[in-house]
Amino acid sequence: MLKRLNVPISFLLLFLSSYGIADAHEAPIDSGLAAPQAIQIQLCNMNEGKTLAQYNKLNSDYFAWTERNNVATTFVRHTPLFTHSNSSNPGYDYIEYLIGPHEVLAENWDKWMNTKEGQKLNARWQDIATCYTKLGTLYMRWVDQEANAGDDNRIVTMDWCKRKDTVSWDQLTSKHNQIEASYPEGVENIVWAVMFPQVGSADAPGDFAHVNVYPDMQAFMKRHKWLSHDGGWKLRDDYTSSYADCRGDEAFVEDVLYRVQ
């Protein structure tokens, strides 16, 4: 059995309550960048007697189905590395993310629910695992395109934050823009993205989450050395003192199981 990820119902990672992108902060923090992507999260526990080999075979069949139906999305799996787990909150065995344009994910769901082949895959999925499905939106702040495209096994951190009451979304946007301009090549990471809550998780621990991807443990540890000893702590202290309250990073091993070409 996989070690369970620390993603309690109150966490629900990417796909959270419905006010994330509109109304109170329409075109929030990261507008003006690349088009936002829909992100579906699946918080899963393996059912009794089922194996990872069965799960991997199901995924292979699912990817082939998405190709035949022209509804493929990027598909990644997270397993735990350094999480907020404890004995009273063991979390999940693994987490799956489906990332793509909203229109593609909508058509994927239509064909999943309304075709015989889709329903057969759904029955296999429910036989192998018990999963809770959520929906959110992702904005890319910065990407090393070449490094990201060539790396299918890497380290990901997530840090949920809540905007301070005295700070407007425009001010937070400006702060993120300043950080991006100050570190045009990142700090050991190959991706910086911001995730916003959307559907299915009213108990989200924050307004948004910072997501950073590292190519390996060497880069991950260099980043945390920078945060601890080499001046990065000043940036974080300024950010958490003046702009947002953050709960702290969790780290996962991320496997990219399918990329949309």
C-alpha atoms as a PDB file:
ATOM      1  CA  MET A   1       0.000   0.000   0.000  1.00  0.00           C
ATOM      2  CA  LEU A   2       1.218   3.494  -0.777  1.00  0.00           C
ATOM      3  CA  LYS A   3       1.946   5.773   2.137  1.00  0.00           C
ATOM      4  CA  ARG A   4      -1.003   8.107   2.435  1.00  0.00           C
ATOM      5  CA  LEU A   5      -0.781  11.728   1.403  1.00  0.00           C
ATOM      6  CA  ASN A   6      -1.749  14.336   3.919  1.00  0.00           C
ATOM      7  CA  VAL A   7      -4.717  15.836   2.093  1.00  0.00           C
ATOM      8  CA  PRO A   8      -7.632  15.959   4.526  1.00  0.00           C
ATOM      9  CA  ILE A   9     -11.067  16.999   3.333  1.00  0.00           C
ATOM     10  CA  SER A  10     -10.302  20.500   4.639  1.00  0.00           C
ATOM     11  CA  PHE A  11      -7.199  20.613   2.422  1.00  0.00           C
ATOM     12  CA  LEU A  12      -8.513  19.342  -0.924  1.00  0.00           C
ATOM     13  CA  LEU A  13      -5.477  20.841  -2.584  1.00  0.00           C
ATOM     14  CA  LEU A  14      -6.370  22.341  -5.916  1.00  0.00           C
ATOM     15  CA  PHE A  15     -10.094  22.322  -6.300  1.00  0.00           C
ATOM     16  CA  LEU A  16     -11.919  24.287  -3.744  1.00  0.00           C
ATOM     17  CA  SER A  17     -14.779  26.738  -3.016  1.00  0.00           C
ATOM     18  CA  SER A  18     -16.639  28.540  -5.773  1.00  0.00           C
ATOM     19  CA  TYR A  19     -15.621  32.173  -5.294  1.00  0.00           C
ATOM     20  CA  GLY A  20     -12.029  31.719  -6.448  1.00  0.00           C
ATOM     21  CA  ILE A  21     -11.996  33.424  -9.856  1.00  0.00           C
ATOM     22  CA  ALA A  22     -14.890  35.881  -9.928  1.00  0.00           C
ATOM     23  CA  ASP A  23     -16.879  38.426  -7.929  1.00  0.00           C
ATOM     24  CA  ALA A  24     -14.688  39.537  -4.992  1.00  0.00           C
ATOM     25  CA  HIS A  25     -11.498  39.302  -7.007  1.00  0.00           C
ATOM     26  CA  GLU A  26     -12.375  39.077 -10.658  1.00  0.00           C
ATOM     27  CA  ALA A  27      -9.243  38.540 -12.797  1.00  0.00           C
ATOM     28  CA  PRO A  28      -7.263  37.830  -9.603  1.00  0.00           C
ATOM     29  CA  ILE A  29      -3.555  37.835  -8.825  1.00  0.00           C
ATOM     30  CA  ASP A  30      -2.253  36.423 -12.077  1.00  0.00           C
ATOM     31  CA  SER A  31      -4.429  37.812 -14.871  1.00  0.00           C
ATOM     32  CA  GLY A  32      -2.620  38.797 -18.039  1.00  0.00           C
ATOM     33  CA  LEU A  33      -0.513  35.646 -18.145  1.00  0.00           C
ATOM     34  CA  ALA A  34      -1.253  32.549 -20.213  1.00  0.00           C
ATOM     35  CA  ALA A  35      -4.858  31.394 -20.273  1.00  0.00           C
ATOM     36  CA  PRO A  36      -5.887  29.700 -17.025  1.00  0.00           C
ATOM     37  CA  GLN A  37      -6.147  25.923 -17.046  1.00  0.00           C
ATOM     38  CA  ALA A  38      -8.823  23.780 -15.467  1.00  0.00           C
ATOM     39  CA  ILE A  39      -7.444  21.306 -12.935  1.00  0.00           C
ATOM     40  CA  GLN A  40      -9.314  18.249 -11.760  1.00  0.00           C
ATOM     41  CA  ILE A  41      -8.064  16.632  -8.587  1.00  0.00           C
ATOM     42  CA  GLN A  42      -8.779  13.055  -7.537  1.00  0.00           C
ATOM     43  CA  LEU A  43      -8.043  12.230  -3.902  1.00  0.00           C
ATOM     44  CA  CYS A  44      -7.795   8.444  -3.847  1.00  0.00           C
ATOM     45  CA  ASN A  45      -7.415   5.470  -1.562  1.00  0.00           C
ATOM     46  CA  MET A  46      -6.818   2.014  -3.030  1.00  0.00           C
ATOM     47  CA  ASN A  47      -9.659  -0.400  -2.322  1.00  0.00           C
ATOM     48  CA  GLU A  48      -8.943  -3.520  -0.295  1.00  0.00           C
ATOM     49  CA  GLY A  49      -7.076  -6.143  -2.284  1.00  0.00           C
ATOM     50  CA  LYS A  50      -6.315  -3.858  -5.257  1.00  0.00           C
ATOM     51  CA  THR A  51      -2.796  -3.201  -6.505  1.00  0.00           C
ATOM     52  CA  LEU A  52      -0.803  -0.383  -8.049  1.00  0.00           C
ATOM     53  CA  ALA A  53      -0.304  -2.553 -11.133  1.00  0.00           C
ATOM     54  CA  GLN A  54      -4.081  -2.633 -11.654  1.00  0.00           C
ATOM     55  CA  TYR A  55      -4.236   1.108 -11.200  1.00  0.00           C
ATOM     56  CA  ASN A  56      -1.435   1.676 -13.729  1.00  0.00           C
ATOM     57  CA  LYS A  57      -3.137  -0.606 -16.295  1.00  0.00           C
ATOM     58  CA  LEU A  58      -6.367   1.339 -15.868  1.00  0.00           C
ATOM     59  CA  ASN A  59      -4.508   4.598 -16.461  1.00  0.00           C
ATOM     60  CA  SER A  60      -2.925   3.224 -19.649  1.00  0.00           C
ATOM     61  CA  ASP A  61      -6.345   2.228 -20.947  1.00  0.00           C
ATOM     62  CA  TYR A  62      -7.748   5.610 -19.944  1.00  0.00           C
ATOM     63  CA  PHE A  63      -5.001   7.495 -21.819  1.00  0.00           C
ATOM     64  CA  ALA A  64      -5.698   5.449 -24.949  1.00  0.00           C
ATOM     65  CA  TRP A  65      -9.413   6.241 -24.589  1.00  0.00           C
ATOM     66  CA  THR A  66      -8.720   9.992 -24.296  1.00  0.00           C
ATOM     67  CA  GLU A  67      -6.610   9.878 -27.460  1.00  0.00           C
ATOM     68  CA  ARG A  68      -9.312   8.046 -29.433  1.00  0.00           C
ATOM     69  CA  ASN A  69     -11.891  10.568 -28.260  1.00  0.00           C
ATOM     70  CA  ASN A  70      -9.670  13.654 -28.609  1.00  0.00           C
ATOM     71  CA  VAL A  71     -10.141  14.596 -24.943  1.00  0.00           C
ATOM     72  CA  ALA A  72      -6.613  14.103 -23.564  1.00  0.00           C
ATOM     73  CA  THR A  73      -5.317  16.220 -20.686  1.00  0.00           C
ATOM     74  CA  THR A  74      -2.003  16.296 -18.872  1.00  0.00           C
ATOM     75  CA  PHE A  75      -2.191  13.721 -16.075  1.00  0.00           C
ATOM     76  CA  VAL A  76       0.078  13.645 -13.010  1.00  0.00           C
ATOM     77  CA  ARG A  77       0.246  11.617  -9.805  1.00  0.00           C
ATOM     78  CA  HIS A  78       1.483  12.790  -6.399  1.00  0.00           C
ATOM     79  CA  THR A  79       2.898  10.593  -3.651  1.00  0.00           C
ATOM     80  CA  PRO A  80       4.072  11.897  -0.264  1.00  0.00           C
ATOM     81  CA  LEU A  81       7.522  13.199   0.608  1.00  0.00           C
ATOM     82  CA  PHE A  82       7.280  15.827   3.369  1.00  0.00           C
ATOM     83  CA  THR A  83       3.652  16.482   4.333  1.00  0.00           C
ATOM     84  CA  HIS A  84       1.594  17.742   7.259  1.00  0.00           C
ATOM     85  CA  SER A  85       0.496  14.170   8.059  1.00  0.00           C
ATOM     86  CA  ASN A  86      -0.111  12.943  11.576  1.00  0.00           C
ATOM     87  CA  SER A  87      -1.747   9.943  13.203  1.00  0.00           C
ATOM     88  CA  SER A  88      -5.176  11.583  13.320  1.00  0.00           C
ATOM     89  CA  ASN A  89      -4.998  12.755   9.710  1.00  0.00           C
ATOM     90  CA  PRO A  90      -3.380  10.084   7.500  1.00  0.00           C
ATOM     91  CA  GLY A  91      -4.584  11.572   4.222  1.00  0.00           C
ATOM     92  CA  TYR A  92      -4.776   9.650   0.923  1.00  0.00           C
ATOM     93  CA  ASP A  93      -2.812   6.930  -0.847  1.00  0.00           C
ATOM     94  CA  TYR A  94      -2.236   9.069  -3.938  1.00  0.00           C
ATOM     95  CA  ILE A  95      -3.577  12.115  -5.729  1.00  0.00           C
ATOM     96  CA  GLU A  96      -4.200  12.479  -9.454  1.00  0.00           C
ATOM     97  CA  TYR A  97      -4.387  15.758 -11.366  1.00  0.00           C
ATOM     98  CA  LEU A  98      -5.898  16.292 -14.809  1.00  0.00           C
ATOM     99  CA  ILE A  99      -4.868  19.643 -16.296  1.00  0.00           C
ATOM    100  CA  GLY A 100      -6.106  21.208 -19.516  1.00  0.00           C
ATOM    101  CA  PRO A 101      -8.411  23.757 -21.156  1.00  0.00           C
ATOM    102  CA  HIS A 102     -11.855  23.992 -19.611  1.00  0.00           C
ATOM    103  CA  GLU A 103     -13.475  23.030 -22.923  1.00  0.00           C
ATOM    104  CA  VAL A 104     -11.434  19.828 -23.215  1.00  0.00           C
ATOM    105  CA  LEU A 105     -12.174  18.770 -19.649  1.00  0.00           C
ATOM    106  CA  ALA A 106     -15.889  19.403 -20.255  1.00  0.00           C
ATOM    107  CA  GLU A 107     -15.914  17.176 -23.346  1.00  0.00           C
ATOM    108  CA  ASN A 108     -13.904  14.554 -21.456  1.00  0.00           C
ATOM    109  CA  TRP A 109     -16.607  14.433 -18.794  1.00  0.00           C
ATOM    110  CA  ASP A 110     -19.418  14.279 -21.371  1.00  0.00           C
ATOM    111  CA  LYS A 111     -17.848  11.258 -23.055  1.00  0.00           C
ATOM    112  CA  TRP A 112     -16.892   9.652 -19.743  1.00  0.00           C
ATOM    113  CA  MET A 113     -20.478   9.807 -18.494  1.00  0.00           C
ATOM    114  CA  ASN A 114     -22.405   9.246 -21.738  1.00  0.00           C
ATOM    115  CA  THR A 115     -20.552   6.523 -23.657  1.00  0.00           C
ATOM    116  CA  LYS A 116     -20.428   2.776 -22.997  1.00  0.00           C
ATOM    117  CA  GLU A 117     -16.623   2.730 -23.107  1.00  0.00           C
ATOM    118  CA  GLY A 118     -16.405   5.649 -20.696  1.00  0.00           C
ATOM    119  CA  GLN A 119     -18.771   3.981 -18.262  1.00  0.00           C
ATOM    120  CA  LYS A 120     -16.808   0.710 -18.418  1.00  0.00           C
ATOM    121  CA  LEU A 121     -13.647   2.613 -17.483  1.00  0.00           C
ATOM    122  CA  ASN A 122     -15.554   4.356 -14.707  1.00  0.00           C
ATOM    123  CA  ALA A 123     -16.689   1.003 -13.280  1.00  0.00           C
ATOM    124  CA  ARG A 124     -13.092  -0.271 -13.295  1.00  0.00           C
ATOM    125  CA  TRP A 125     -11.906   2.933 -11.611  1.00  0.00           C
ATOM    126  CA  GLN A 126     -14.458   2.645  -8.809  1.00  0.00           C
ATOM    127  CA  ASP A 127     -13.580  -1.027  -8.335  1.00  0.00           C
ATOM    128  CA  ILE A 128      -9.888  -0.227  -7.878  1.00  0.00           C
ATOM    129  CA  ALA A 129     -10.049   2.953  -5.781  1.00  0.00           C
ATOM    130  CA  THR A 130     -12.288   5.266  -3.807  1.00  0.00           C
ATOM    131  CA  CYS A 131     -11.691   8.815  -5.040  1.00  0.00           C
ATOM    132  CA  TYR A 132     -13.071  12.263  -4.250  1.00  0.00           C
ATOM    133  CA  THR A 133     -13.080  14.557  -7.273  1.00  0.00           C
ATOM    134  CA  LYS A 134     -12.658  18.351  -7.082  1.00  0.00           C
ATOM    135  CA  LEU A 135     -12.151  21.182  -9.575  1.00  0.00           C
ATOM    136  CA  GLY A 136      -9.984  24.305  -9.612  1.00  0.00           C
ATOM    137  CA  THR A 137      -8.086  26.719 -11.845  1.00  0.00           C
ATOM    138  CA  LEU A 138      -4.346  27.157 -12.357  1.00  0.00           C
ATOM    139  CA  TYR A 139      -2.441  30.265 -13.427  1.00  0.00           C
ATOM    140  CA  MET A 140       1.180  29.875 -14.510  1.00  0.00           C
ATOM    141  CA  ARG A 141       3.453  32.578 -13.117  1.00  0.00           C
ATOM    142  CA  TRP A 142       6.767  31.345 -14.520  1.00  0.00           C
ATOM    143  CA  VAL A 143       7.927  28.230 -16.392  1.00  0.00           C
ATOM    144  CA  ASP A 144      11.253  26.982 -17.705  1.00  0.00           C
ATOM    145  CA  GLN A 145       9.588  25.457 -20.745  1.00  0.00           C
ATOM    146  CA  GLU A 146      12.446  23.196 -21.808  1.00  0.00           C
ATOM    147  CA  ALA A 147      13.194  21.845 -18.342  1.00  0.00           C
ATOM    148  CA  ASN A 148       9.524  21.323 -17.542  1.00  0.00           C
ATOM    149  CA  ALA A 149       8.789  19.501 -20.808  1.00  0.00           C
ATOM    150  CA  GLY A 150      11.692  17.106 -20.337  1.00  0.00           C
ATOM    151  CA  ASP A 151      11.107  16.102 -16.717  1.00  0.00           C
ATOM    152  CA  ASP A 152       8.500  13.458 -15.846  1.00  0.00           C
ATOM    153  CA  ASN A 153       9.672  12.700 -12.302  1.00  0.00           C
ATOM    154  CA  ARG A 154      10.185  15.664  -9.996  1.00  0.00           C
ATOM    155  CA  ILE A 155       9.462  17.306  -6.648  1.00  0.00           C
ATOM    156  CA  VAL A 156       6.478  19.605  -6.088  1.00  0.00           C
ATOM    157  CA  THR A 157       5.728  21.878  -3.146  1.00  0.00           C
ATOM    158  CA  MET A 158       2.404  23.480  -2.271  1.00  0.00           C
ATOM    159  CA  ASP A 159       1.820  26.331   0.145  1.00  0.00           C
ATOM    160  CA  TRP A 160      -1.728  27.479   0.868  1.00  0.00           C
ATOM    161  CA  CYS A 161      -2.105  31.189   1.660  1.00  0.00           C
ATOM    162  CA  LYS A 162      -4.829  33.624   2.660  1.00  0.00           C
ATOM    163  CA  ARG A 163      -4.670  37.270   1.591  1.00  0.00           C
ATOM    164  CA  LYS A 164      -4.406  39.665   4.527  1.00  0.00           C
ATOM    165  CA  ASP A 165      -7.533  41.769   5.072  1.00  0.00           C
ATOM    166  CA  THR A 166      -5.564  44.996   4.670  1.00  0.00           C
ATOM    167  CA  VAL A 167      -4.176  43.953   1.266  1.00  0.00           C
ATOM    168  CA  SER A 168      -6.134  44.256  -1.976  1.00  0.00           C
ATOM    169  CA  TRP A 169      -5.911  41.706  -4.775  1.00  0.00           C
ATOM    170  CA  ASP A 170      -4.271  44.374  -6.917  1.00  0.00           C
ATOM    171  CA  GLN A 171      -1.583  44.874  -4.267  1.00  0.00           C
ATOM    172  CA  LEU A 172      -1.002  41.135  -4.072  1.00  0.00           C
ATOM    173  CA  THR A 173      -0.777  40.989  -7.859  1.00  0.00           C
ATOM    174  CA  SER A 174       1.857  43.711  -7.788  1.00  0.00           C
ATOM    175  CA  LYS A 175       3.837  41.827  -5.156  1.00  0.00           C
ATOM    176  CA  HIS A 176       3.814  38.652  -7.239  1.00  0.00           C
ATOM    177  CA  ASN A 177       4.880  40.667 -10.273  1.00  0.00           C
ATOM    178  CA  GLN A 178       7.759  42.137  -8.254  1.00  0.00           C
ATOM    179  CA  ILE A 179       8.906  38.696  -7.123  1.00  0.00           C
ATOM    180  CA  GLU A 180       8.757  37.373 -10.673  1.00  0.00           C
ATOM    181  CA  ALA A 181      10.774  40.334 -11.973  1.00  0.00           C
ATOM    182  CA  SER A 182      13.361  39.945  -9.217  1.00  0.00           C
ATOM    183  CA  TYR A 183      13.977  36.263 -10.002  1.00  0.00           C
ATOM    184  CA  PRO A 184      13.634  35.966 -13.800  1.00  0.00           C
ATOM    185  CA  GLU A 185      15.311  32.536 -13.787  1.00  0.00           C
ATOM    186  CA  GLY A 186      13.576  31.298 -10.637  1.00  0.00           C
ATOM    187  CA  VAL A 187      15.441  29.947  -7.615  1.00  0.00           C
ATOM    188  CA  GLU A 188      16.191  26.316  -8.459  1.00  0.00           C
ATOM    189  CA  ASN A 189      12.548  25.712  -9.485  1.00  0.00           C
ATOM    190  CA  ILE A 190      11.336  25.063 -13.034  1.00  0.00           C
ATOM    191  CA  VAL A 191       7.686  26.065 -12.482  1.00  0.00           C
ATOM    192  CA  TRP A 192       5.890  28.604 -10.311  1.00  0.00           C
ATOM    193  CA  ALA A 193       2.099  28.527 -10.510  1.00  0.00           C
ATOM    194  CA  VAL A 194      -0.790  29.823  -8.429  1.00  0.00           C
ATOM    195  CA  MET A 195      -3.882  27.672  -7.875  1.00  0.00           C
ATOM    196  CA  PHE A 196      -7.307  29.043  -7.009  1.00  0.00           C
ATOM    197  CA  PRO A 197     -10.266  27.298  -5.383  1.00  0.00           C
ATOM    198  CA  GLN A 198     -13.289  26.609  -7.515  1.00  0.00           C
ATOM    199  CA  VAL A 199     -15.733  23.726  -7.040  1.00  0.00           C
ATOM    200  CA  GLY A 200     -16.216  21.093  -4.386  1.00  0.00           C
ATOM    201  CA  SER A 201     -14.233  22.129  -1.307  1.00  0.00           C
ATOM    202  CA  ALA A 202     -15.812  24.674   0.945  1.00  0.00           C
ATOM    203  CA  ASP A 203     -13.292  24.025   3.736  1.00  0.00           C
ATOM    204  CA  ALA A 204     -10.238  25.231   1.843  1.00  0.00           C
ATOM    205  CA  PRO A 205      -7.307  26.292   4.056  1.00  0.00           C
ATOM    206  CA  GLY A 206      -6.635  29.453   2.028  1.00  0.00           C
ATOM    207  CA  ASP A 207      -7.574  31.721  -0.844  1.00  0.00           C
ATOM    208  CA  PHE A 208      -4.888  30.325  -3.151  1.00  0.00           C
ATOM    209  CA  ALA A 209      -1.839  28.066  -3.193  1.00  0.00           C
ATOM    210  CA  HIS A 210       1.679  28.598  -4.476  1.00  0.00           C
ATOM    211  CA  VAL A 211       2.957  25.599  -6.452  1.00  0.00           C
ATOM    212  CA  ASN A 212       6.665  25.171  -7.186  1.00  0.00           C
ATOM    213  CA  VAL A 213       8.201  22.343  -9.207  1.00  0.00           C
ATOM    214  CA  TYR A 214      11.840  21.221  -8.856  1.00  0.00           C
ATOM    215  CA  PRO A 215      13.647  18.832 -11.212  1.00  0.00           C
ATOM    216  CA  ASP A 216      15.137  16.759  -8.382  1.00  0.00           C
ATOM    217  CA  MET A 217      16.035  16.661  -4.690  1.00  0.00           C
ATOM    218  CA  GLN A 218      19.276  18.561  -5.298  1.00  0.00           C
ATOM    219  CA  ALA A 219      17.307  21.559  -6.584  1.00  0.00           C
ATOM    220  CA  PHE A 220      14.678  21.207  -3.858  1.00  0.00           C
ATOM    221  CA  MET A 221      17.325  21.235  -1.106  1.00  0.00           C
ATOM    222  CA  LYS A 222      19.197  24.152  -2.666  1.00  0.00           C
ATOM    223  CA  ARG A 223      15.956  26.136  -2.647  1.00  0.00           C
ATOM    224  CA  HIS A 224      15.406  25.388   1.021  1.00  0.00           C
ATOM    225  CA  LYS A 225      18.996  26.234   1.876  1.00  0.00           C
ATOM    226  CA  TRP A 226      18.363  29.581   0.170  1.00  0.00           C
ATOM    227  CA  LEU A 227      15.174  30.023   2.186  1.00  0.00           C
ATOM    228  CA  SER A 228      16.923  29.162   5.451  1.00  0.00           C
ATOM    229  CA  HIS A 229      20.408  30.660   5.131  1.00  0.00           C
ATOM    230  CA  ASP A 230      20.972  32.653   1.964  1.00  0.00           C
ATOM    231  CA  GLY A 231      18.476  35.482   2.067  1.00  0.00           C
ATOM    232  CA  GLY A 232      15.290  33.797   0.919  1.00  0.00           C
ATOM    233  CA  TRP A 233      13.918  34.027   4.432  1.00  0.00           C
ATOM    234  CA  LYS A 234      13.817  37.822   4.081  1.00  0.00           C
ATOM    235  CA  LEU A 235      11.541  37.530   1.056  1.00  0.00           C
ATOM    236  CA  ARG A 236       9.270  35.058   2.820  1.00  0.00           C
ATOM    237  CA  ASP A 237       9.183  37.135   6.001  1.00  0.00           C
ATOM    238  CA  ASP A 238       8.188  40.235   4.036  1.00  0.00           C
ATOM    239  CA  TYR A 239       5.509  38.278   2.156  1.00  0.00           C
ATOM    240  CA  THR A 240       3.963  36.611   5.210  1.00  0.00           C
ATOM    241  CA  SER A 241       4.250  39.728   7.391  1.00  0.00           C
ATOM    242  CA  SER A 242       2.699  42.149   4.927  1.00  0.00           C
ATOM    243  CA  TYR A 243       0.735  40.333   2.197  1.00  0.00           C
ATOM    244  CA  ALA A 244      -0.562  36.854   3.045  1.00  0.00           C
ATOM    245  CA  ASP A 245      -0.771  34.286   5.820  1.00  0.00           C
ATOM    246  CA  CYS A 246       0.651  30.958   4.589  1.00  0.00           C
ATOM    247  CA  ARG A 247       0.584  27.538   6.213  1.00  0.00           C
ATOM    248  CA  GLY A 248       3.965  26.365   4.919  1.00  0.00           C
ATOM    249  CA  ASP A 249       5.173  24.071   2.161  1.00  0.00           C
ATOM    250  CA  GLU A 250       4.282  20.436   1.729  1.00  0.00           C
ATOM    251  CA  ALA A 251       6.376  18.372  -0.685  1.00  0.00           C
ATOM    252  CA  PHE A 252       5.359  15.531  -2.984  1.00  0.00           C
ATOM    253  CA  VAL A 253       6.957  13.342  -5.607  1.00  0.00           C
ATOM    254  CA  GLU A 254       5.229  14.122  -8.889  1.00  0.00           C
ATOM    255  CA  ASP A 255       5.125  11.656 -11.775  1.00  0.00           C
ATOM    256  CA  VAL A 256       3.888  12.999 -15.102  1.00  0.00           C
ATOM    257  CA  LEU A 257       1.994   9.999 -16.448  1.00  0.00           C
ATOM    258  CA  TYR A 258       0.678  11.630 -19.624  1.00  0.00           C
ATOM    259  CA  ARG A 259       1.527  14.839 -21.478  1.00  0.00           C
ATOM    260  CA  VAL A 260      -0.594  16.475 -24.107  1.00  0.00           C
ATOM    261  CA  GLN A 261       1.717  17.047 -27.081  1.00  0.00           C
END
